Amino acid sequence: MPIKPIADFYSQWQEVRKTIEHKHDGQKIVVVGGGAGSVETILAMAHSLESDPATRGKCRFTLVYKNSELLPGYSSGLIAKVKTACLRYGIQLKADFNVVRVEHNSLYGSENATEDFDFLFWCTHASAASWTADSGLACDEDGFVTVNTCLQSVSSPDVFAAGDIAHMEANPRPKAGVYAVRQGPYLYDNLRARILGEPLKNYVPQRQFLSLLALGDKNAVGLRAPFPAFCGAWVWRWKNNIDQKFMSGFSKLPPKAPNKSN
């Protein structure tokens, strides 16, 4: 079961919970992926099931990832705090597990590695949409739309792209929401400028950004260079406030302009 799109994942997770309630103990949940999304997902799953008497103690959890270390690119201090949280929930971590195929209820990795599961969730890095390669737009080798510093397609100047679908040719960055959010105003301004024939604005991605990861319960760990990692309930409240404010923007829309009579 893929984690994204999240709307589909939520309904699937509810079905998994119901199934586990009626199963015997020893069910195994495996999550594939070693990034922030997979870490938050498996910790949330473990906390959710362990908090419910109907599912408590019925599942074992394993996080498999192809790199030698969890959360590549993060500080050792933050990684240590995440590993402590995983240990608290009994989550087994399996590094250097490069999945090559899935058959029935087993994962197969390179060098004859195997991992059995009852429920498998996929939370690896972003993948390009299938239609981009057939669109005629210039794309990178992974199928993401290649854009210049104005978020403008390098092959079709009337097309703009931002967020995970875009590959910034001049300033490549990992697929992360912190960049997509900052790109939004530039995308709006440049679409408008293109229509009006005005100069476009260059988007320059930030060098540093705040990282906040939920740890299952109402605790979180954070990092903002050059400071060391920080952790606690107060970090979770901070993260929750940011997330709630962001999500409210999708429901609290500005009022529609009144219709003008002819």
C-alpha atoms as a PDB file:
ATOM      1  CA  MET A   1       0.000   0.000   0.000  1.00  0.00           C
ATOM      2  CA  PRO A   2       1.541   3.331  -1.024  1.00  0.00           C
ATOM      3  CA  ILE A   3       1.499   6.180   1.491  1.00  0.00           C
ATOM      4  CA  LYS A   4       0.760   8.713  -1.258  1.00  0.00           C
ATOM      5  CA  PRO A   5      -1.772   9.887  -2.247  1.00  0.00           C
ATOM      6  CA  ILE A   6      -2.571  10.357   1.415  1.00  0.00           C
ATOM      7  CA  ALA A   7      -6.366  10.335   0.891  1.00  0.00           C
ATOM      8  CA  ASP A   8      -6.192   6.743  -0.391  1.00  0.00           C
ATOM      9  CA  PHE A   9      -3.767   5.720   2.346  1.00  0.00           C
ATOM     10  CA  TYR A  10      -6.062   6.934   5.137  1.00  0.00           C
ATOM     11  CA  SER A  11      -8.969   4.729   4.043  1.00  0.00           C
ATOM     12  CA  GLN A  12      -6.632   1.754   3.573  1.00  0.00           C
ATOM     13  CA  TRP A  13      -5.170   2.271   7.043  1.00  0.00           C
ATOM     14  CA  GLN A  14      -8.626   2.236   8.599  1.00  0.00           C
ATOM     15  CA  GLU A  15      -9.298  -1.115   6.918  1.00  0.00           C
ATOM     16  CA  VAL A  16      -5.960  -2.454   8.179  1.00  0.00           C
ATOM     17  CA  ARG A  17      -6.854  -1.412  11.730  1.00  0.00           C
ATOM     18  CA  LYS A  18     -10.187  -3.233  11.517  1.00  0.00           C
ATOM     19  CA  THR A  19      -8.467  -6.343  10.164  1.00  0.00           C
ATOM     20  CA  ILE A  20      -5.863  -6.341  12.947  1.00  0.00           C
ATOM     21  CA  GLU A  21      -8.597  -6.077  15.595  1.00  0.00           C
ATOM     22  CA  HIS A  22      -9.934  -9.472  14.484  1.00  0.00           C
ATOM     23  CA  LYS A  23      -6.567 -11.126  13.927  1.00  0.00           C
ATOM     24  CA  HIS A  24      -4.445 -13.095  16.365  1.00  0.00           C
ATOM     25  CA  ASP A  25      -1.236 -11.673  17.776  1.00  0.00           C
ATOM     26  CA  GLY A  26       1.972 -11.642  15.737  1.00  0.00           C
ATOM     27  CA  GLN A  27       0.860  -9.565  12.756  1.00  0.00           C
ATOM     28  CA  LYS A  28       3.787  -7.867  11.044  1.00  0.00           C
ATOM     29  CA  ILE A  29       3.756  -4.398   9.501  1.00  0.00           C
ATOM     30  CA  VAL A  30       6.671  -3.427   7.256  1.00  0.00           C
ATOM     31  CA  VAL A  31       7.318   0.082   5.944  1.00  0.00           C
ATOM     32  CA  VAL A  32       9.782   0.597   3.075  1.00  0.00           C
ATOM     33  CA  GLY A  33      11.747   3.847   3.032  1.00  0.00           C
ATOM     34  CA  GLY A  34      14.283   5.569   5.247  1.00  0.00           C
ATOM     35  CA  GLY A  35      13.271   9.207   4.928  1.00  0.00           C
ATOM     36  CA  ALA A  36      11.316  11.520   7.219  1.00  0.00           C
ATOM     37  CA  GLY A  37       7.945  10.430   5.817  1.00  0.00           C
ATOM     38  CA  SER A  38       8.524   6.738   6.503  1.00  0.00           C
ATOM     39  CA  VAL A  39       9.838   7.431  10.007  1.00  0.00           C
ATOM     40  CA  GLU A  40       6.819   9.553  10.945  1.00  0.00           C
ATOM     41  CA  THR A  41       4.448   7.023   9.364  1.00  0.00           C
ATOM     42  CA  ILE A  42       5.702   3.921  11.163  1.00  0.00           C
ATOM     43  CA  LEU A  43       5.927   5.736  14.518  1.00  0.00           C
ATOM     44  CA  ALA A  44       2.369   7.026  14.066  1.00  0.00           C
ATOM     45  CA  MET A  45       1.162   3.516  13.198  1.00  0.00           C
ATOM     46  CA  ALA A  46       2.862   2.006  16.226  1.00  0.00           C
ATOM     47  CA  HIS A  47       1.505   4.664  18.565  1.00  0.00           C
ATOM     48  CA  SER A  48      -2.004   4.357  17.131  1.00  0.00           C
ATOM     49  CA  LEU A  49      -2.161   0.574  17.504  1.00  0.00           C
ATOM     50  CA  GLU A  50      -0.478   0.479  20.915  1.00  0.00           C
ATOM     51  CA  SER A  51      -2.871   3.142  22.249  1.00  0.00           C
ATOM     52  CA  ASP A  52      -5.935   1.039  21.396  1.00  0.00           C
ATOM     53  CA  PRO A  53      -6.709  -1.936  23.684  1.00  0.00           C
ATOM     54  CA  ALA A  54      -8.239  -3.777  20.705  1.00  0.00           C
ATOM     55  CA  THR A  55      -4.935  -3.775  18.789  1.00  0.00           C
ATOM     56  CA  ARG A  56      -2.299  -3.390  21.512  1.00  0.00           C
ATOM     57  CA  GLY A  57       0.449  -5.981  21.353  1.00  0.00           C
ATOM     58  CA  LYS A  58      -0.841  -7.607  18.171  1.00  0.00           C
ATOM     59  CA  CYS A  59       1.751  -6.191  15.746  1.00  0.00           C
ATOM     60  CA  ARG A  60       5.476  -6.160  15.168  1.00  0.00           C
ATOM     61  CA  PHE A  61       6.978  -3.339  13.116  1.00  0.00           C
ATOM     62  CA  THR A  62       9.972  -3.222  10.774  1.00  0.00           C
ATOM     63  CA  LEU A  63      11.375  -0.292   8.799  1.00  0.00           C
ATOM     64  CA  VAL A  64      13.597  -1.287   5.876  1.00  0.00           C
ATOM     65  CA  TYR A  65      15.741   1.139   3.894  1.00  0.00           C
ATOM     66  CA  LYS A  66      18.428   0.839   1.248  1.00  0.00           C
ATOM     67  CA  ASN A  67      20.966   3.230   2.785  1.00  0.00           C
ATOM     68  CA  SER A  68      23.435   2.315   5.495  1.00  0.00           C
ATOM     69  CA  GLU A  69      21.948   4.976   7.780  1.00  0.00           C
ATOM     70  CA  LEU A  70      18.442   6.134   8.575  1.00  0.00           C
ATOM     71  CA  LEU A  71      17.430   9.676   7.526  1.00  0.00           C
ATOM     72  CA  PRO A  72      20.355  10.515   5.219  1.00  0.00           C
ATOM     73  CA  GLY A  73      21.240  14.185   5.330  1.00  0.00           C
ATOM     74  CA  TYR A  74      20.052  14.696   8.919  1.00  0.00           C
ATOM     75  CA  SER A  75      22.339  15.258  11.903  1.00  0.00           C
ATOM     76  CA  SER A  76      23.553  12.376  14.036  1.00  0.00           C
ATOM     77  CA  GLY A  77      21.830  13.933  17.060  1.00  0.00           C
ATOM     78  CA  LEU A  78      18.417  13.928  15.394  1.00  0.00           C
ATOM     79  CA  ILE A  79      18.918  10.397  14.060  1.00  0.00           C
ATOM     80  CA  ALA A  80      19.791   9.166  17.554  1.00  0.00           C
ATOM     81  CA  LYS A  81      16.574  10.623  18.992  1.00  0.00           C
ATOM     82  CA  VAL A  82      14.512   9.011  16.216  1.00  0.00           C
ATOM     83  CA  LYS A  83      16.157   5.639  16.840  1.00  0.00           C
ATOM     84  CA  THR A  84      15.369   5.948  20.547  1.00  0.00           C
ATOM     85  CA  ALA A  85      11.704   6.529  19.688  1.00  0.00           C
ATOM     86  CA  CYS A  86      11.715   3.485  17.384  1.00  0.00           C
ATOM     87  CA  LEU A  87      13.269   1.364  20.130  1.00  0.00           C
ATOM     88  CA  ARG A  88      10.552   2.479  22.560  1.00  0.00           C
ATOM     89  CA  TYR A  89       7.908   1.047  20.206  1.00  0.00           C
ATOM     90  CA  GLY A  90       9.925  -2.068  19.392  1.00  0.00           C
ATOM     91  CA  ILE A  91      10.396  -1.052  15.751  1.00  0.00           C
ATOM     92  CA  GLN A  92      13.124  -3.081  14.090  1.00  0.00           C
ATOM     93  CA  LEU A  93      15.398  -1.123  11.737  1.00  0.00           C
ATOM     94  CA  LYS A  94      16.935  -2.892   8.745  1.00  0.00           C
ATOM     95  CA  ALA A  95      19.578  -0.926   6.859  1.00  0.00           C
ATOM     96  CA  ASP A  96      21.195  -1.774   3.501  1.00  0.00           C
ATOM     97  CA  PHE A  97      17.979  -3.483   2.348  1.00  0.00           C
ATOM     98  CA  ASN A  98      17.542  -2.593  -1.318  1.00  0.00           C
ATOM     99  CA  VAL A  99      14.182  -4.043  -2.369  1.00  0.00           C
ATOM    100  CA  VAL A 100      14.331  -5.696  -5.794  1.00  0.00           C
ATOM    101  CA  ARG A 101      10.950  -7.443  -5.826  1.00  0.00           C
ATOM    102  CA  VAL A 102       7.837  -8.251  -3.803  1.00  0.00           C
ATOM    103  CA  GLU A 103       6.164 -11.651  -4.004  1.00  0.00           C
ATOM    104  CA  HIS A 104       3.139 -12.733  -1.982  1.00  0.00           C
ATOM    105  CA  ASN A 105       3.993 -11.771   1.611  1.00  0.00           C
ATOM    106  CA  SER A 106       7.745 -11.387   1.226  1.00  0.00           C
ATOM    107  CA  LEU A 107      10.180  -8.626   0.317  1.00  0.00           C
ATOM    108  CA  TYR A 108      13.320  -9.654  -1.528  1.00  0.00           C
ATOM    109  CA  GLY A 109      16.425  -7.496  -1.445  1.00  0.00           C
ATOM    110  CA  SER A 110      19.786  -7.652  -3.107  1.00  0.00           C
ATOM    111  CA  GLU A 111      22.303 -10.168  -1.733  1.00  0.00           C
ATOM    112  CA  ASN A 112      19.494 -12.630  -0.883  1.00  0.00           C
ATOM    113  CA  ALA A 113      17.975 -10.501   1.882  1.00  0.00           C
ATOM    114  CA  THR A 114      14.323 -11.332   2.675  1.00  0.00           C
ATOM    115  CA  GLU A 115      11.642  -9.888   4.946  1.00  0.00           C
ATOM    116  CA  ASP A 116       8.167 -11.352   5.484  1.00  0.00           C
ATOM    117  CA  PHE A 117       5.125  -9.194   6.186  1.00  0.00           C
ATOM    118  CA  ASP A 118       1.378  -9.253   6.712  1.00  0.00           C
ATOM    119  CA  PHE A 119       0.919  -5.602   5.740  1.00  0.00           C
ATOM    120  CA  LEU A 120       3.347  -3.654   3.555  1.00  0.00           C
ATOM    121  CA  PHE A 121       3.452   0.134   3.200  1.00  0.00           C
ATOM    122  CA  TRP A 122       5.554   1.920   0.614  1.00  0.00           C
ATOM    123  CA  CYS A 123       7.027   5.304   1.568  1.00  0.00           C
ATOM    124  CA  THR A 124      10.066   5.892  -0.626  1.00  0.00           C
ATOM    125  CA  HIS A 125      11.150   9.114  -2.323  1.00  0.00           C
ATOM    126  CA  ALA A 126       8.876  10.945  -4.749  1.00  0.00           C
ATOM    127  CA  SER A 127       8.339   9.413  -8.199  1.00  0.00           C
ATOM    128  CA  ALA A 128       7.487  11.318 -11.340  1.00  0.00           C
ATOM    129  CA  ALA A 129       3.968  11.149 -12.745  1.00  0.00           C
ATOM    130  CA  SER A 130       3.719   8.758 -15.689  1.00  0.00           C
ATOM    131  CA  TRP A 131       2.320  11.370 -18.068  1.00  0.00           C
ATOM    132  CA  THR A 132       5.271  13.777 -17.904  1.00  0.00           C
ATOM    133  CA  ALA A 133       7.518  11.607 -20.074  1.00  0.00           C
ATOM    134  CA  ASP A 134       4.843  11.596 -22.804  1.00  0.00           C
ATOM    135  CA  SER A 135       3.990  15.292 -22.517  1.00  0.00           C
ATOM    136  CA  GLY A 136       6.687  16.597 -24.839  1.00  0.00           C
ATOM    137  CA  LEU A 137       8.137  18.685 -21.999  1.00  0.00           C
ATOM    138  CA  ALA A 138      11.842  18.476 -21.243  1.00  0.00           C
ATOM    139  CA  CYS A 139      12.338  16.172 -18.239  1.00  0.00           C
ATOM    140  CA  ASP A 140      15.283  14.926 -16.232  1.00  0.00           C
ATOM    141  CA  GLU A 141      16.329  11.280 -16.250  1.00  0.00           C
ATOM    142  CA  ASP A 142      13.762  10.477 -13.544  1.00  0.00           C
ATOM    143  CA  GLY A 143      10.848  12.026 -15.449  1.00  0.00           C
ATOM    144  CA  PHE A 144      10.458  15.295 -13.535  1.00  0.00           C
ATOM    145  CA  VAL A 145       9.718  18.455 -15.530  1.00  0.00           C
ATOM    146  CA  THR A 146      12.926  20.472 -15.911  1.00  0.00           C
ATOM    147  CA  VAL A 147      12.486  24.147 -15.016  1.00  0.00           C
ATOM    148  CA  ASN A 148      14.702  27.222 -14.896  1.00  0.00           C
ATOM    149  CA  THR A 149      15.127  29.620 -11.970  1.00  0.00           C
ATOM    150  CA  CYS A 150      11.705  31.159 -12.754  1.00  0.00           C
ATOM    151  CA  LEU A 151       9.998  27.740 -12.436  1.00  0.00           C
ATOM    152  CA  GLN A 152       9.462  27.869 -16.193  1.00  0.00           C
ATOM    153  CA  SER A 153       9.808  24.800 -18.399  1.00  0.00           C
ATOM    154  CA  VAL A 154      13.131  24.928 -20.252  1.00  0.00           C
ATOM    155  CA  SER A 155      11.418  23.627 -23.399  1.00  0.00           C
ATOM    156  CA  SER A 156       7.967  25.265 -23.244  1.00  0.00           C
ATOM    157  CA  PRO A 157       8.055  28.853 -21.883  1.00  0.00           C
ATOM    158  CA  ASP A 158       4.274  28.974 -21.341  1.00  0.00           C
ATOM    159  CA  VAL A 159       4.446  26.018 -18.935  1.00  0.00           C
ATOM    160  CA  PHE A 160       5.457  26.397 -15.282  1.00  0.00           C
ATOM    161  CA  ALA A 161       6.005  23.705 -12.671  1.00  0.00           C
ATOM    162  CA  ALA A 162       6.660  23.690  -8.933  1.00  0.00           C
ATOM    163  CA  GLY A 163       6.829  21.219  -6.079  1.00  0.00           C
ATOM    164  CA  ASP A 164       7.572  17.533  -6.474  1.00  0.00           C
ATOM    165  CA  ILE A 165       6.775  17.464 -10.196  1.00  0.00           C
ATOM    166  CA  ALA A 166       9.597  19.900 -10.992  1.00  0.00           C
ATOM    167  CA  HIS A 167      13.359  19.479 -11.310  1.00  0.00           C
ATOM    168  CA  MET A 168      15.212  22.755 -10.755  1.00  0.00           C
ATOM    169  CA  GLU A 169      18.043  22.597 -13.264  1.00  0.00           C
ATOM    170  CA  ALA A 170      20.181  25.362 -11.754  1.00  0.00           C
ATOM    171  CA  ASN A 171      19.536  24.577  -8.079  1.00  0.00           C
ATOM    172  CA  PRO A 172      18.661  20.882  -7.654  1.00  0.00           C
ATOM    173  CA  ARG A 173      17.023  20.120  -4.317  1.00  0.00           C
ATOM    174  CA  PRO A 174      15.453  17.041  -2.708  1.00  0.00           C
ATOM    175  CA  LYS A 175      11.679  16.671  -3.007  1.00  0.00           C
ATOM    176  CA  ALA A 176      10.467  18.392   0.144  1.00  0.00           C
ATOM    177  CA  GLY A 177       7.425  20.433   1.029  1.00  0.00           C
ATOM    178  CA  VAL A 178       9.522  23.274   2.427  1.00  0.00           C
ATOM    179  CA  TYR A 179      10.616  24.125  -1.102  1.00  0.00           C
ATOM    180  CA  ALA A 180       7.172  23.679  -2.655  1.00  0.00           C
ATOM    181  CA  VAL A 181       5.585  26.072  -0.145  1.00  0.00           C
ATOM    182  CA  ARG A 182       8.158  28.780  -0.876  1.00  0.00           C
ATOM    183  CA  GLN A 183       7.709  28.285  -4.615  1.00  0.00           C
ATOM    184  CA  GLY A 184       3.973  29.010  -4.468  1.00  0.00           C
ATOM    185  CA  PRO A 185       4.115  32.835  -4.503  1.00  0.00           C
ATOM    186  CA  TYR A 186       6.778  32.795  -7.244  1.00  0.00           C
ATOM    187  CA  LEU A 187       4.617  30.492  -9.332  1.00  0.00           C
ATOM    188  CA  TYR A 188       1.631  32.827  -8.953  1.00  0.00           C
ATOM    189  CA  ASP A 189       3.632  35.956  -9.743  1.00  0.00           C
ATOM    190  CA  ASN A 190       5.376  34.410 -12.749  1.00  0.00           C
ATOM    191  CA  LEU A 191       2.173  33.017 -14.277  1.00  0.00           C
ATOM    192  CA  ARG A 192       0.671  36.486 -14.028  1.00  0.00           C
ATOM    193  CA  ALA A 193       3.832  38.138 -15.378  1.00  0.00           C
ATOM    194  CA  ARG A 194       3.968  35.730 -18.337  1.00  0.00           C
ATOM    195  CA  ILE A 195       0.389  36.613 -19.293  1.00  0.00           C
ATOM    196  CA  LEU A 196       1.033  40.353 -18.993  1.00  0.00           C
ATOM    197  CA  GLY A 197       4.427  40.243 -20.706  1.00  0.00           C
ATOM    198  CA  GLU A 198       6.265  41.440 -17.594  1.00  0.00           C
ATOM    199  CA  PRO A 199       9.680  40.289 -16.288  1.00  0.00           C
ATOM    200  CA  LEU A 200       9.734  37.012 -14.370  1.00  0.00           C
ATOM    201  CA  LYS A 201      11.101  36.584 -10.841  1.00  0.00           C
ATOM    202  CA  ASN A 202      13.928  34.209  -9.982  1.00  0.00           C
ATOM    203  CA  TYR A 203      13.239  31.709  -7.213  1.00  0.00           C
ATOM    204  CA  VAL A 204      16.289  30.958  -5.058  1.00  0.00           C
ATOM    205  CA  PRO A 205      15.766  27.980  -2.692  1.00  0.00           C
ATOM    206  CA  GLN A 206      16.696  28.531   0.935  1.00  0.00           C
ATOM    207  CA  ARG A 207      19.972  27.052   2.150  1.00  0.00           C
ATOM    208  CA  GLN A 208      18.695  26.111   5.612  1.00  0.00           C
ATOM    209  CA  PHE A 209      15.239  25.226   6.882  1.00  0.00           C
ATOM    210  CA  LEU A 210      13.538  24.002  10.015  1.00  0.00           C
ATOM    211  CA  SER A 211      12.921  20.243  10.214  1.00  0.00           C
ATOM    212  CA  LEU A 212      10.305  18.908  12.652  1.00  0.00           C
ATOM    213  CA  LEU A 213       9.540  15.174  12.876  1.00  0.00           C
ATOM    214  CA  ALA A 214       6.717  13.683  14.945  1.00  0.00           C
ATOM    215  CA  LEU A 215       7.726  10.717  17.101  1.00  0.00           C
ATOM    216  CA  GLY A 216       4.407   8.873  17.323  1.00  0.00           C
ATOM    217  CA  ASP A 217       3.123  10.187  20.630  1.00  0.00           C
ATOM    218  CA  LYS A 218       2.803  13.905  21.313  1.00  0.00           C
ATOM    219  CA  ASN A 219       6.543  14.402  21.122  1.00  0.00           C
ATOM    220  CA  ALA A 220       8.654  15.594  18.227  1.00  0.00           C
ATOM    221  CA  VAL A 221      12.263  16.224  17.325  1.00  0.00           C
ATOM    222  CA  GLY A 222      13.523  19.290  15.512  1.00  0.00           C
ATOM    223  CA  LEU A 223      16.621  20.580  13.781  1.00  0.00           C
ATOM    224  CA  ARG A 224      17.679  23.965  12.480  1.00  0.00           C
ATOM    225  CA  ALA A 225      21.336  24.362  11.585  1.00  0.00           C
ATOM    226  CA  PRO A 226      23.662  25.309  13.124  1.00  0.00           C
ATOM    227  CA  PHE A 227      21.871  24.350  16.382  1.00  0.00           C
ATOM    228  CA  PRO A 228      21.848  20.777  17.785  1.00  0.00           C
ATOM    229  CA  ALA A 229      18.691  18.653  17.602  1.00  0.00           C
ATOM    230  CA  PHE A 230      15.989  19.442  20.159  1.00  0.00           C
ATOM    231  CA  CYS A 231      13.182  17.185  21.349  1.00  0.00           C
ATOM    232  CA  GLY A 232      10.095  17.205  23.573  1.00  0.00           C
ATOM    233  CA  ALA A 233       6.371  17.792  23.869  1.00  0.00           C
ATOM    234  CA  TRP A 234       6.873  21.497  23.242  1.00  0.00           C
ATOM    235  CA  VAL A 235       8.397  20.670  19.828  1.00  0.00           C
ATOM    236  CA  TRP A 236       5.302  18.612  18.983  1.00  0.00           C
ATOM    237  CA  ARG A 237       3.012  21.516  19.952  1.00  0.00           C
ATOM    238  CA  TRP A 238       5.091  23.806  17.755  1.00  0.00           C
ATOM    239  CA  LYS A 239       4.914  21.367  14.842  1.00  0.00           C
ATOM    240  CA  ASN A 240       1.189  20.752  15.334  1.00  0.00           C
ATOM    241  CA  ASN A 241       0.475  24.483  15.290  1.00  0.00           C
ATOM    242  CA  ILE A 242       2.405  24.905  12.025  1.00  0.00           C
ATOM    243  CA  ASP A 243       0.686  21.895  10.434  1.00  0.00           C
ATOM    244  CA  GLN A 244      -2.811  22.902  11.535  1.00  0.00           C
ATOM    245  CA  LYS A 245      -2.305  26.443  10.257  1.00  0.00           C
ATOM    246  CA  PHE A 246      -1.081  25.121   6.907  1.00  0.00           C
ATOM    247  CA  MET A 247      -3.960  22.654   6.509  1.00  0.00           C
ATOM    248  CA  SER A 248      -6.581  25.256   7.457  1.00  0.00           C
ATOM    249  CA  GLY A 249      -5.583  27.162   4.347  1.00  0.00           C
ATOM    250  CA  PHE A 250      -7.267  24.457   2.248  1.00  0.00           C
ATOM    251  CA  SER A 251     -10.640  24.937   3.944  1.00  0.00           C
ATOM    252  CA  LYS A 252     -10.701  28.598   5.015  1.00  0.00           C
ATOM    253  CA  LEU A 253     -10.803  30.070   1.536  1.00  0.00           C
ATOM    254  CA  PRO A 254     -11.297  33.781   0.796  1.00  0.00           C
ATOM    255  CA  PRO A 255     -14.840  34.814  -0.122  1.00  0.00           C
ATOM    256  CA  LYS A 256     -15.809  34.695  -3.773  1.00  0.00           C
ATOM    257  CA  ALA A 257     -16.052  37.987  -5.601  1.00  0.00           C
ATOM    258  CA  PRO A 258     -19.668  38.999  -6.274  1.00  0.00           C
ATOM    259  CA  ASN A 259     -20.976  38.442  -9.782  1.00  0.00           C
ATOM    260  CA  LYS A 260     -21.032  41.630 -11.796  1.00  0.00           C
ATOM    261  CA  SER A 261     -24.247  42.306 -13.668  1.00  0.00           C
ATOM    262  CA  ASN A 262     -23.989  43.127 -17.360  1.00  0.00           C
END
